Amino acid sequence: MARSLSEYFSQHLPEVEGLPDEILRANFEALEEVRLERARCCFCRKPQCPYHYVYKITVSDENGNSELKIETEMDKCEHLEAKTILAKKDKYFASCRLGKRFIDRRFDNFITEEYNTEALHVCYNYVASIKERLQDGKGLLLMGPVGTGKTHLVASMIHEAIEKHVVLAVFVTVPELLARIRASFEKGNQETQGELFELVRSADLLVLDDIGAEKTSEWVREQLYIIINSRYDDLKPVVITSNCTAEELEERIGERATSRIIEMCDWVVVDGPDYRKKKLE
């Protein structure tokens, strides 16, 4: 017994099930094209892929007359979506500016001691809630002596933010950033001041490492205020590390920038001995 056209299309085109054969026959070529495309994902080319680039079929019944419309609509292929996310992560890692020494620093290879466990938990929980932080603009300031693992922690935060949350996180050492800004004023420098400020302004999450280590001047204070204030105005979070106390920080970067940081960031003490010097023991 010959199958009806409704039965023929039913596996891939459930929208047309039960429609009269004369309507299906009138739209046979278009429906057959949709059936073939739905039978294989046009990205992964695998049969029965549940996500494809396909046509949308709309069936309406107005005044007792069935009407068949075929419209173009893009659906997501899970393979294409995964590839897109992977490409975005690769792009973000290439842009994050972590050097070779810190690119492999992770939370799970951070050496914990009694004096730094709380800081580790704060940083880990911060990244776990990064979507909320991108909304409220709340950041962190990690304060503590040299060699206590502050840069390891923020490098771990950058990796976690990109890998697990596909967030553009950028790492900038403040003395280097200021040196680049200063160099941008020199004639013939290809990296303009505008491009530098766009980098620190637009990143989803900005890490300013070692703030307060730069030589103090009014020019330095002004540049840091401009950077921090741009993030402040746009509710974009910033994570900062510093070897300075609160009083030293205000003296070095100025009252205006420090005031913004106090409002923007939760302050975290990362204490302990210099782990680099411990290797000499």
Protein backbone atom coordinates (compact mmCIF):
# COMPACT_ATOMS: atom_id res chain seq x y z
CA MET A 1 0.00 0.00 0.00
CA ALA A 2 1.46 3.34 -1.04
CA ARG A 3 2.27 5.82 1.69
CA SER A 4 0.62 9.21 1.70
CA LEU A 5 2.81 12.29 1.38
CA SER A 6 1.96 13.13 4.99
CA GLU A 7 3.47 9.80 6.09
CA TYR A 8 6.46 10.33 3.80
CA PHE A 9 7.33 13.67 5.40
CA SER A 10 6.28 12.86 8.95
CA GLN A 11 9.73 11.75 10.25
CA HIS A 12 11.46 15.05 9.58
CA LEU A 13 8.53 17.42 9.09
CA PRO A 14 6.04 16.89 11.94
CA GLU A 15 4.51 20.30 11.18
CA VAL A 16 2.83 18.96 8.04
CA GLU A 17 1.45 15.76 9.50
CA GLY A 18 -2.23 15.41 8.67
CA LEU A 19 -2.25 18.01 5.89
CA PRO A 20 -4.07 16.98 2.71
CA ASP A 21 -1.87 15.46 0.03
CA GLU A 22 -2.88 18.10 -2.51
CA ILE A 23 -1.29 20.83 -0.36
CA LEU A 24 1.85 18.74 0.19
CA ARG A 25 2.02 17.90 -3.51
CA ALA A 26 1.83 21.58 -4.43
CA ASN A 27 4.79 22.30 -2.12
CA PHE A 28 6.65 19.04 -2.71
CA GLU A 29 9.96 20.48 -3.97
CA ALA A 30 10.30 22.95 -1.13
CA LEU A 31 9.31 20.37 1.47
CA GLU A 32 11.72 17.82 0.06
CA GLU A 33 14.56 20.33 0.34
CA VAL A 34 13.69 20.92 3.99
CA ARG A 35 13.43 17.18 4.63
CA LEU A 36 16.91 16.56 3.21
CA GLU A 37 18.44 19.42 5.20
CA ARG A 38 16.86 18.18 8.40
CA ALA A 39 18.13 14.69 7.70
CA ARG A 40 21.69 15.95 8.00
CA CYS A 41 23.09 18.89 9.89
CA CYS A 42 24.64 21.20 7.33
CA PHE A 43 27.51 22.00 9.70
CA CYS A 44 28.50 18.60 11.07
CA ARG A 45 26.88 16.64 8.19
CA LYS A 46 25.74 14.02 10.67
CA PRO A 47 22.34 12.40 10.13
CA GLN A 48 19.69 13.16 12.72
CA CYS A 49 21.62 16.01 14.30
CA PRO A 50 18.96 17.68 16.51
CA TYR A 51 20.24 21.18 15.76
CA HIS A 52 20.59 22.42 12.23
CA TYR A 53 20.42 25.33 9.86
CA VAL A 54 16.97 24.64 8.45
CA TYR A 55 13.83 26.20 7.09
CA LYS A 56 10.91 26.90 9.36
CA ILE A 57 7.55 25.51 8.31
CA THR A 58 4.45 27.39 9.40
CA VAL A 59 1.04 25.83 8.97
CA SER A 60 -2.06 27.96 9.45
CA ASP A 61 -5.72 27.15 9.01
CA GLU A 62 -7.76 30.24 8.39
CA ASN A 63 -11.39 30.08 7.31
CA GLY A 64 -11.08 26.35 6.93
CA ASN A 65 -8.35 26.56 4.29
CA SER A 66 -4.98 25.12 5.22
CA GLU A 67 -2.08 27.31 4.19
CA LEU A 68 1.53 26.18 4.11
CA LYS A 69 4.38 28.69 4.50
CA ILE A 70 8.08 27.91 4.40
CA GLU A 71 10.32 30.58 5.89
CA THR A 72 14.06 30.75 6.40
CA GLU A 73 15.11 30.45 10.04
CA MET A 74 18.47 29.64 11.62
CA ASP A 75 18.55 27.08 14.40
CA LYS A 76 21.69 26.34 16.39
CA CYS A 77 23.76 23.29 15.66
CA GLU A 78 25.29 22.03 18.89
CA HIS A 79 28.55 21.30 17.05
CA LEU A 80 28.67 24.76 15.52
CA GLU A 81 27.82 26.36 18.84
CA ALA A 82 30.59 24.39 20.57
CA LYS A 83 33.07 25.40 17.88
CA THR A 84 32.01 29.04 18.16
CA ILE A 85 32.49 29.01 21.93
CA LEU A 86 35.88 27.34 21.57
CA ALA A 87 36.97 29.94 19.01
CA LYS A 88 35.85 32.72 21.35
CA LYS A 89 37.82 31.20 24.24
CA ASP A 90 40.92 30.91 22.05
CA LYS A 91 40.52 34.56 21.08
CA TYR A 92 40.10 35.62 24.70
CA PHE A 93 43.11 33.63 25.87
CA ALA A 94 45.17 35.23 23.09
CA SER A 95 44.03 38.66 24.31
CA CYS A 96 44.32 38.11 28.07
CA ARG A 97 47.98 39.24 28.17
CA LEU A 98 49.13 36.67 30.71
CA GLY A 99 52.81 35.89 30.25
CA LYS A 100 54.23 32.40 29.89
CA ARG A 101 55.09 32.19 33.59
CA PHE A 102 51.52 32.71 34.71
CA ILE A 103 49.45 31.27 31.87
CA ASP A 104 49.31 27.87 33.59
CA ARG A 105 48.59 29.13 37.10
CA ARG A 106 45.35 27.65 38.37
CA PHE A 107 43.39 27.50 41.58
CA ASP A 108 44.15 23.78 41.83
CA ASN A 109 47.93 24.30 41.76
CA PHE A 110 47.92 27.20 44.23
CA ILE A 111 49.81 26.16 47.35
CA THR A 112 47.48 26.70 50.29
CA GLU A 113 48.53 27.47 53.82
CA GLU A 114 46.51 28.52 56.83
CA TYR A 115 47.24 32.18 56.11
CA ASN A 116 46.08 32.23 52.46
CA THR A 117 43.15 29.80 52.34
CA GLU A 118 40.53 32.50 52.87
CA ALA A 119 41.96 34.60 50.03
CA LEU A 120 41.83 31.57 47.74
CA HIS A 121 38.17 30.96 48.59
CA VAL A 122 37.26 34.62 48.03
CA CYS A 123 38.90 34.67 44.59
CA TYR A 124 37.34 31.34 43.59
CA ASN A 125 33.87 32.40 44.70
CA TYR A 126 34.26 35.73 42.95
CA VAL A 127 34.78 34.07 39.57
CA ALA A 128 31.94 31.63 40.27
CA SER A 129 29.65 34.68 40.50
CA ILE A 130 31.29 36.57 37.62
CA LYS A 131 27.99 37.01 35.72
CA GLU A 132 26.59 38.94 38.69
CA ARG A 133 29.80 40.94 39.05
CA LEU A 134 29.54 41.99 35.41
CA GLN A 135 26.19 43.49 36.33
CA ASP A 136 27.04 45.24 39.61
CA GLY A 137 30.66 46.15 38.80
CA LYS A 138 31.99 44.87 42.12
CA GLY A 139 35.70 43.97 42.08
CA LEU A 140 38.46 42.85 44.42
CA LEU A 141 41.62 44.40 45.82
CA LEU A 142 44.22 41.85 46.91
CA MET A 143 46.67 43.41 49.34
CA GLY A 144 49.72 41.80 50.85
CA PRO A 145 53.50 41.54 50.91
CA VAL A 146 55.64 40.50 47.95
CA GLY A 147 55.65 36.79 47.15
CA THR A 148 52.38 35.77 48.79
CA GLY A 149 50.71 34.49 45.62
CA LYS A 150 48.53 37.45 44.63
CA THR A 151 49.47 37.25 40.95
CA HIS A 152 48.95 33.47 40.97
CA LEU A 153 45.43 34.04 42.29
CA VAL A 154 44.47 36.68 39.72
CA ALA A 155 45.97 34.59 36.90
CA SER A 156 43.79 31.71 38.10
CA MET A 157 40.78 34.02 38.07
CA ILE A 158 41.48 35.03 34.48
CA HIS A 159 41.79 31.43 33.33
CA GLU A 160 38.60 30.42 35.16
CA ALA A 161 36.65 33.40 33.81
CA ILE A 162 37.58 32.63 30.22
CA GLU A 163 37.42 28.83 30.33
CA LYS A 164 34.25 28.35 32.36
CA HIS A 165 32.32 31.54 31.75
CA VAL A 166 33.60 32.76 28.33
CA VAL A 167 34.35 36.19 29.77
CA LEU A 168 37.00 38.47 28.29
CA ALA A 169 39.46 38.95 31.15
CA VAL A 170 42.59 41.03 30.62
CA PHE A 171 45.74 41.10 32.77
CA VAL A 172 47.80 44.28 32.88
CA THR A 173 50.82 45.03 35.05
CA VAL A 174 50.39 48.65 36.07
CA PRO A 175 54.03 49.78 35.70
CA GLU A 176 54.12 48.25 32.20
CA LEU A 177 50.78 49.83 31.29
CA LEU A 178 51.98 53.27 32.35
CA ALA A 179 55.22 52.80 30.43
CA ARG A 180 53.24 51.91 27.30
CA ILE A 181 50.97 54.91 27.71
CA ARG A 182 53.99 57.14 28.10
CA ALA A 183 55.61 55.58 25.03
CA SER A 184 52.42 56.13 23.03
CA PHE A 185 53.06 59.84 23.17
CA GLU A 186 56.34 59.37 21.34
CA LYS A 187 56.33 60.19 17.66
CA GLY A 188 55.94 57.18 15.39
CA ASN A 189 54.67 54.78 18.08
CA GLN A 190 52.17 52.45 16.40
CA GLU A 191 50.18 51.61 19.51
CA THR A 192 48.21 54.73 20.26
CA GLN A 193 47.02 55.93 23.63
CA GLY A 194 43.44 55.45 22.45
CA GLU A 195 43.98 51.75 21.73
CA LEU A 196 45.54 51.21 25.15
CA PHE A 197 42.71 52.89 26.95
CA GLU A 198 40.18 50.95 24.89
CA LEU A 199 41.79 47.71 26.05
CA VAL A 200 41.52 48.50 29.75
CA ARG A 201 38.14 50.18 29.33
CA SER A 202 36.29 47.52 27.36
CA ALA A 203 37.44 44.20 28.88
CA ASP A 204 34.69 42.40 30.78
CA LEU A 205 37.09 41.87 33.68
CA LEU A 206 40.28 43.90 34.07
CA VAL A 207 43.13 42.82 36.34
CA LEU A 208 45.53 45.59 37.37
CA ASP A 209 48.53 43.86 38.85
CA ASP A 210 51.00 45.56 41.19
CA ILE A 211 49.35 48.95 41.49
CA GLY A 212 51.39 51.36 43.59
CA ALA A 213 54.72 49.90 42.44
CA GLU A 214 55.18 52.64 39.85
CA LYS A 215 57.15 55.81 40.53
CA THR A 216 54.74 58.40 41.89
CA SER A 217 53.98 61.59 39.99
CA GLU A 218 50.97 63.72 39.21
CA TRP A 219 50.97 62.28 35.67
CA VAL A 220 50.82 58.72 37.08
CA ARG A 221 47.98 59.64 39.44
CA GLU A 222 46.03 61.21 36.61
CA GLN A 223 46.44 58.25 34.25
CA LEU A 224 45.40 55.75 36.93
CA TYR A 225 42.39 57.84 37.86
CA ILE A 226 41.27 57.99 34.22
CA ILE A 227 41.54 54.20 33.91
CA ILE A 228 39.81 53.39 37.19
CA ASN A 229 37.13 56.03 36.74
CA SER A 230 36.25 54.71 33.27
CA ARG A 231 35.60 51.29 34.78
CA TYR A 232 33.72 52.89 37.67
CA ASP A 233 31.41 54.85 35.39
CA ASP A 234 30.61 51.81 33.21
CA LEU A 235 30.08 49.39 36.14
CA LYS A 236 32.88 47.21 34.83
CA PRO A 237 34.68 45.21 37.52
CA VAL A 238 38.38 45.48 38.20
CA VAL A 239 40.59 43.15 40.25
CA ILE A 240 43.67 44.82 41.68
CA THR A 241 46.78 43.55 43.43
CA SER A 242 49.07 45.72 45.52
CA ASN A 243 51.94 45.43 47.96
CA CYS A 244 50.88 48.74 49.53
CA THR A 245 48.88 49.40 52.66
CA ALA A 246 45.75 51.53 52.30
CA GLU A 247 47.65 54.63 53.42
CA GLU A 248 50.53 53.94 51.02
CA LEU A 249 48.13 53.31 48.17
CA GLU A 250 46.41 56.66 48.62
CA GLU A 251 49.76 58.42 48.78
CA ARG A 252 50.96 56.74 45.57
CA ILE A 253 47.90 56.79 43.32
CA GLY A 254 45.98 59.69 44.81
CA GLU A 255 42.86 60.24 46.86
CA ARG A 256 40.42 60.24 43.93
CA ALA A 257 41.50 56.88 42.50
CA THR A 258 41.71 55.31 45.97
CA SER A 259 38.21 56.51 46.81
CA ARG A 260 36.84 54.87 43.65
CA ILE A 261 38.65 51.61 44.47
CA ILE A 262 37.25 51.58 48.01
CA GLU A 263 33.72 51.76 46.61
CA MET A 264 34.30 49.36 43.71
CA CYS A 265 36.25 46.60 45.42
CA ASP A 266 36.08 44.23 48.35
CA TRP A 267 39.47 44.23 50.05
CA VAL A 268 41.23 40.91 50.63
CA VAL A 269 44.43 40.41 52.61
CA VAL A 270 46.83 37.84 51.14
CA ASP A 271 49.34 37.29 53.91
CA GLY A 272 52.29 35.02 54.55
CA PRO A 273 56.02 34.78 53.93
CA ASP A 274 57.61 35.36 50.53
CA TYR A 275 57.30 31.91 48.94
CA ARG A 276 60.21 32.67 46.64
CA LYS A 277 62.52 33.21 49.61
CA LYS A 278 61.23 30.02 51.21
CA LYS A 279 63.05 28.13 48.46
CA LEU A 280 66.32 29.31 49.97
CA GLU A 281 65.56 27.74 53.32
